[in-house]
Amino acid sequence: MRNIAVPLRNRNGEVVAALSTNMPMGEESPEAALQRVLPHLQECALAMLNVL
């Protein structure tokens, strides 16, 4: 298994949690998986900034 995570910050910039996903390793390289998934996690974390 492979895991990618990003911090979730509150309005003050403090880390209060993490957002992560797991995926099978398969044929994809770690770099390719990071390029494919990380932007989506970062976008979600940014969208949650106003909620936390």
PDB file of N, CA and C in Angstrom:
ATOM      1  N   MET A   1       0.843  -1.189   0.000  1.00  0.00           N
ATOM      2  CA  MET A   1       0.000   0.000   0.000  1.00  0.00           C
ATOM      3  C   MET A   1       0.881   1.242   0.000  1.00  0.00           C
ATOM      4  N   ARG A   2       0.321   2.297  -0.538  1.00  0.00           N
ATOM      5  CA  ARG A   2       0.985   3.600  -0.591  1.00  0.00           C
ATOM      6  C   ARG A   2       0.041   4.614   0.045  1.00  0.00           C
ATOM      7  N   ASN A   3       0.583   5.580   0.769  1.00  0.00           N
ATOM      8  CA  ASN A   3      -0.221   6.590   1.437  1.00  0.00           C
ATOM      9  C   ASN A   3       0.323   7.968   1.089  1.00  0.00           C
ATOM     10  N   ILE A   4      -0.575   8.905   0.843  1.00  0.00           N
ATOM     11  CA  ILE A   4      -0.211  10.303   0.611  1.00  0.00           C
ATOM     12  C   ILE A   4      -1.085  11.142   1.544  1.00  0.00           C
ATOM     13  N   ALA A   5      -0.474  12.132   2.210  1.00  0.00           N
ATOM     14  CA  ALA A   5      -1.224  12.944   3.169  1.00  0.00           C
ATOM     15  C   ALA A   5      -0.830  14.415   3.058  1.00  0.00           C
ATOM     16  N   VAL A   6      -1.754  15.271   3.459  1.00  0.00           N
ATOM     17  CA  VAL A   6      -1.498  16.713   3.550  1.00  0.00           C
ATOM     18  C   VAL A   6      -2.063  17.197   4.882  1.00  0.00           C
ATOM     19  N   PRO A   7      -1.476  18.251   5.440  1.00  0.00           N
ATOM     20  CA  PRO A   7      -2.002  18.788   6.698  1.00  0.00           C
ATOM     21  C   PRO A   7      -3.297  19.561   6.468  1.00  0.00           C
ATOM     22  N   LEU A   8      -4.166  19.522   7.456  1.00  0.00           N
ATOM     23  CA  LEU A   8      -5.367  20.366   7.465  1.00  0.00           C
ATOM     24  C   LEU A   8      -5.130  21.452   8.499  1.00  0.00           C
ATOM     25  N   ARG A   9      -5.257  22.682   8.061  1.00  0.00           N
ATOM     26  CA  ARG A   9      -4.983  23.826   8.932  1.00  0.00           C
ATOM     27  C   ARG A   9      -6.273  24.581   9.240  1.00  0.00           C
ATOM     28  N   ASN A  10      -6.310  25.194  10.420  1.00  0.00           N
ATOM     29  CA  ASN A  10      -7.453  26.039  10.753  1.00  0.00           C
ATOM     30  C   ASN A  10      -7.219  27.444  10.209  1.00  0.00           C
ATOM     31  N   ARG A  11      -8.111  28.357  10.507  1.00  0.00           N
ATOM     32  CA  ARG A  11      -8.012  29.730   9.974  1.00  0.00           C
ATOM     33  C   ARG A  11      -6.756  30.453  10.436  1.00  0.00           C
ATOM     34  N   ASN A  12      -6.167  29.982  11.539  1.00  0.00           N
ATOM     35  CA  ASN A  12      -4.954  30.599  12.071  1.00  0.00           C
ATOM     36  C   ASN A  12      -3.688  29.968  11.507  1.00  0.00           C
ATOM     37  N   GLY A  13      -3.849  28.997  10.613  1.00  0.00           N
ATOM     38  CA  GLY A  13      -2.693  28.328  10.028  1.00  0.00           C
ATOM     39  C   GLY A  13      -2.144  27.186  10.849  1.00  0.00           C
ATOM     40  N   GLU A  14      -2.802  26.860  11.952  1.00  0.00           N
ATOM     41  CA  GLU A  14      -2.353  25.767  12.814  1.00  0.00           C
ATOM     42  C   GLU A  14      -2.806  24.430  12.240  1.00  0.00           C
ATOM     43  N   VAL A  15      -1.925  23.447  12.270  1.00  0.00           N
ATOM     44  CA  VAL A  15      -2.281  22.108  11.804  1.00  0.00           C
ATOM     45  C   VAL A  15      -3.183  21.467  12.862  1.00  0.00           C
ATOM     46  N   VAL A  16      -4.373  21.044  12.431  1.00  0.00           N
ATOM     47  CA  VAL A  16      -5.335  20.449  13.360  1.00  0.00           C
ATOM     48  C   VAL A  16      -5.672  19.004  13.009  1.00  0.00           C
ATOM     49  N   ALA A  17      -5.295  18.569  11.821  1.00  0.00           N
ATOM     50  CA  ALA A  17      -5.588  17.205  11.384  1.00  0.00           C
ATOM     51  C   ALA A  17      -4.816  16.937  10.096  1.00  0.00           C
ATOM     52  N   ALA A  18      -5.078  15.803   9.509  1.00  0.00           N
ATOM     53  CA  ALA A  18      -4.467  15.465   8.223  1.00  0.00           C
ATOM     54  C   ALA A  18      -5.521  14.826   7.328  1.00  0.00           C
ATOM     55  N   LEU A  19      -5.330  15.002   6.043  1.00  0.00           N
ATOM     56  CA  LEU A  19      -6.182  14.394   5.025  1.00  0.00           C
ATOM     57  C   LEU A  19      -5.290  13.440   4.249  1.00  0.00           C
ATOM     58  N   SER A  20      -5.685  12.180   4.154  1.00  0.00           N
ATOM     59  CA  SER A  20      -4.814  11.215   3.482  1.00  0.00           C
ATOM     60  C   SER A  20      -5.625  10.238   2.651  1.00  0.00           C
ATOM     61  N   THR A  21      -4.925   9.548   1.795  1.00  0.00           N
ATOM     62  CA  THR A  21      -5.529   8.493   0.993  1.00  0.00           C
ATOM     63  C   THR A  21      -4.543   7.337   0.877  1.00  0.00           C
ATOM     64  N   ASN A  22      -5.070   6.156   0.742  1.00  0.00           N
ATOM     65  CA  ASN A  22      -4.273   4.947   0.533  1.00  0.00           C
ATOM     66  C   ASN A  22      -4.569   4.403  -0.849  1.00  0.00           C
ATOM     67  N   MET A  23      -3.563   3.764  -1.440  1.00  0.00           N
ATOM     68  CA  MET A  23      -3.769   3.155  -2.750  1.00  0.00           C
ATOM     69  C   MET A  23      -2.819   1.974  -2.893  1.00  0.00           C
ATOM     70  N   PRO A  24      -3.186   1.010  -3.715  1.00  0.00           N
ATOM     71  CA  PRO A  24      -2.260  -0.102  -3.959  1.00  0.00           C
ATOM     72  C   PRO A  24      -1.055   0.398  -4.746  1.00  0.00           C
ATOM     73  N   MET A  25       0.068  -0.248  -4.575  1.00  0.00           N
ATOM     74  CA  MET A  25       1.289   0.192  -5.256  1.00  0.00           C
ATOM     75  C   MET A  25       1.208  -0.039  -6.749  1.00  0.00           C
ATOM     76  N   GLY A  26       0.746  -1.181  -7.186  1.00  0.00           N
ATOM     77  CA  GLY A  26       0.558  -1.451  -8.609  1.00  0.00           C
ATOM     78  C   GLY A  26       1.787  -1.143  -9.446  1.00  0.00           C
ATOM     79  N   GLU A  27       1.556  -0.727 -10.682  1.00  0.00           N
ATOM     80  CA  GLU A  27       2.625  -0.444 -11.639  1.00  0.00           C
ATOM     81  C   GLU A  27       3.088   1.013 -11.598  1.00  0.00           C
ATOM     82  N   GLU A  28       2.316   1.883 -10.963  1.00  0.00           N
ATOM     83  CA  GLU A  28       2.611   3.314 -10.958  1.00  0.00           C
ATOM     84  C   GLU A  28       3.795   3.626 -10.042  1.00  0.00           C
ATOM     85  N   SER A  29       4.694   4.478 -10.494  1.00  0.00           N
ATOM     86  CA  SER A  29       5.838   4.870  -9.674  1.00  0.00           C
ATOM     87  C   SER A  29       5.370   5.788  -8.542  1.00  0.00           C
ATOM     88  N   PRO A  30       6.140   5.872  -7.459  1.00  0.00           N
ATOM     89  CA  PRO A  30       5.768   6.785  -6.378  1.00  0.00           C
ATOM     90  C   PRO A  30       5.646   8.229  -6.866  1.00  0.00           C
ATOM     91  N   GLU A  31       6.528   8.648  -7.747  1.00  0.00           N
ATOM     92  CA  GLU A  31       6.489  10.016  -8.269  1.00  0.00           C
ATOM     93  C   GLU A  31       5.215  10.268  -9.072  1.00  0.00           C
ATOM     94  N   ALA A  32       4.830   9.294  -9.904  1.00  0.00           N
ATOM     95  CA  ALA A  32       3.615   9.440 -10.714  1.00  0.00           C
ATOM     96  C   ALA A  32       2.371   9.487  -9.822  1.00  0.00           C
ATOM     97  N   ALA A  33       2.342   8.647  -8.792  1.00  0.00           N
ATOM     98  CA  ALA A  33       1.212   8.643  -7.866  1.00  0.00           C
ATOM     99  C   ALA A  33       1.112   9.981  -7.150  1.00  0.00           C
ATOM    100  N   LEU A  34       2.246  10.513  -6.724  1.00  0.00           N
ATOM    101  CA  LEU A  34       2.271  11.804  -6.041  1.00  0.00           C
ATOM    102  C   LEU A  34       1.768  12.916  -6.956  1.00  0.00           C
ATOM    103  N   GLN A  35       2.216  12.941  -8.183  1.00  0.00           N
ATOM    104  CA  GLN A  35       1.773  13.956  -9.151  1.00  0.00           C
ATOM    105  C   GLN A  35       0.285  13.854  -9.445  1.00  0.00           C
ATOM    106  N   ARG A  36      -0.239  12.641  -9.458  1.00  0.00           N
ATOM    107  CA  ARG A  36      -1.643  12.426  -9.796  1.00  0.00           C
ATOM    108  C   ARG A  36      -2.562  12.769  -8.628  1.00  0.00           C
ATOM    109  N   VAL A  37      -2.171  12.424  -7.402  1.00  0.00           N
ATOM    110  CA  VAL A  37      -3.077  12.520  -6.259  1.00  0.00           C
ATOM    111  C   VAL A  37      -2.875  13.785  -5.415  1.00  0.00           C
ATOM    112  N   LEU A  38      -1.637  14.215  -5.236  1.00  0.00           N
ATOM    113  CA  LEU A  38      -1.351  15.331  -4.336  1.00  0.00           C
ATOM    114  C   LEU A  38      -2.134  16.602  -4.666  1.00  0.00           C
ATOM    115  N   PRO A  39      -2.238  17.030  -5.917  1.00  0.00           N
ATOM    116  CA  PRO A  39      -3.009  18.250  -6.188  1.00  0.00           C
ATOM    117  C   PRO A  39      -4.464  18.169  -5.714  1.00  0.00           C
ATOM    118  N   HIS A  40      -5.067  16.999  -5.808  1.00  0.00           N
ATOM    119  CA  HIS A  40      -6.455  16.834  -5.363  1.00  0.00           C
ATOM    120  C   HIS A  40      -6.556  16.934  -3.844  1.00  0.00           C
ATOM    121  N   LEU A  41      -5.607  16.323  -3.137  1.00  0.00           N
ATOM    122  CA  LEU A  41      -5.611  16.419  -1.676  1.00  0.00           C
ATOM    123  C   LEU A  41      -5.381  17.860  -1.235  1.00  0.00           C
ATOM    124  N   GLN A  42      -4.464  18.548  -1.878  1.00  0.00           N
ATOM    125  CA  GLN A  42      -4.190  19.945  -1.533  1.00  0.00           C
ATOM    126  C   GLN A  42      -5.405  20.825  -1.795  1.00  0.00           C
ATOM    127  N   GLU A  43      -6.109  20.579  -2.880  1.00  0.00           N
ATOM    128  CA  GLU A  43      -7.314  21.344  -3.204  1.00  0.00           C
ATOM    129  C   GLU A  43      -8.392  21.126  -2.145  1.00  0.00           C
ATOM    130  N   CYS A  44      -8.568  19.889  -1.723  1.00  0.00           N
ATOM    131  CA  CYS A  44      -9.551  19.579  -0.682  1.00  0.00           C
ATOM    132  C   CYS A  44      -9.162  20.225   0.635  1.00  0.00           C
ATOM    133  N   ALA A  45      -7.877  20.158   0.989  1.00  0.00           N
ATOM    134  CA  ALA A  45      -7.413  20.768   2.249  1.00  0.00           C
ATOM    135  C   ALA A  45      -7.644  22.269   2.223  1.00  0.00           C
ATOM    136  N   LEU A  46      -7.395  22.902   1.104  1.00  0.00           N
ATOM    137  CA  LEU A  46      -7.618  24.335   0.983  1.00  0.00           C
ATOM    138  C   LEU A  46      -9.107  24.677   1.105  1.00  0.00           C
ATOM    139  N   ALA A  47      -9.958  23.867   0.494  1.00  0.00           N
ATOM    140  CA  ALA A  47     -11.398  24.086   0.575  1.00  0.00           C
ATOM    141  C   ALA A  47     -11.892  23.930   2.007  1.00  0.00           C
ATOM    142  N   MET A  48     -11.256  23.083   2.787  1.00  0.00           N
ATOM    143  CA  MET A  48     -11.676  22.856   4.167  1.00  0.00           C
ATOM    144  C   MET A  48     -11.146  23.936   5.111  1.00  0.00           C
ATOM    145  N   LEU A  49     -10.260  24.779   4.657  1.00  0.00           N
ATOM    146  CA  LEU A  49      -9.685  25.828   5.478  1.00  0.00           C
ATOM    147  C   LEU A  49     -10.754  26.690   6.123  1.00  0.00           C
ATOM    148  N   ASN A  50     -11.808  26.995   5.401  1.00  0.00           N
ATOM    149  CA  ASN A  50     -12.876  27.854   5.937  1.00  0.00           C
ATOM    150  C   ASN A  50     -13.836  27.113   6.841  1.00  0.00           C
ATOM    151  N   VAL A  51     -13.699  25.798   6.913  1.00  0.00           N
ATOM    152  CA  VAL A  51     -14.598  24.989   7.740  1.00  0.00           C
ATOM    153  C   VAL A  51     -13.994  24.739   9.115  1.00  0.00           C
ATOM    154  N   LEU A  52     -12.687  24.640   9.187  1.00  0.00           N
ATOM    155  CA  LEU A  52     -12.021  24.287  10.455  1.00  0.00           C
ATOM    156  C   LEU A  52     -11.764  25.492  11.320  1.00  0.00           C
TER     157      LEU A  52
END
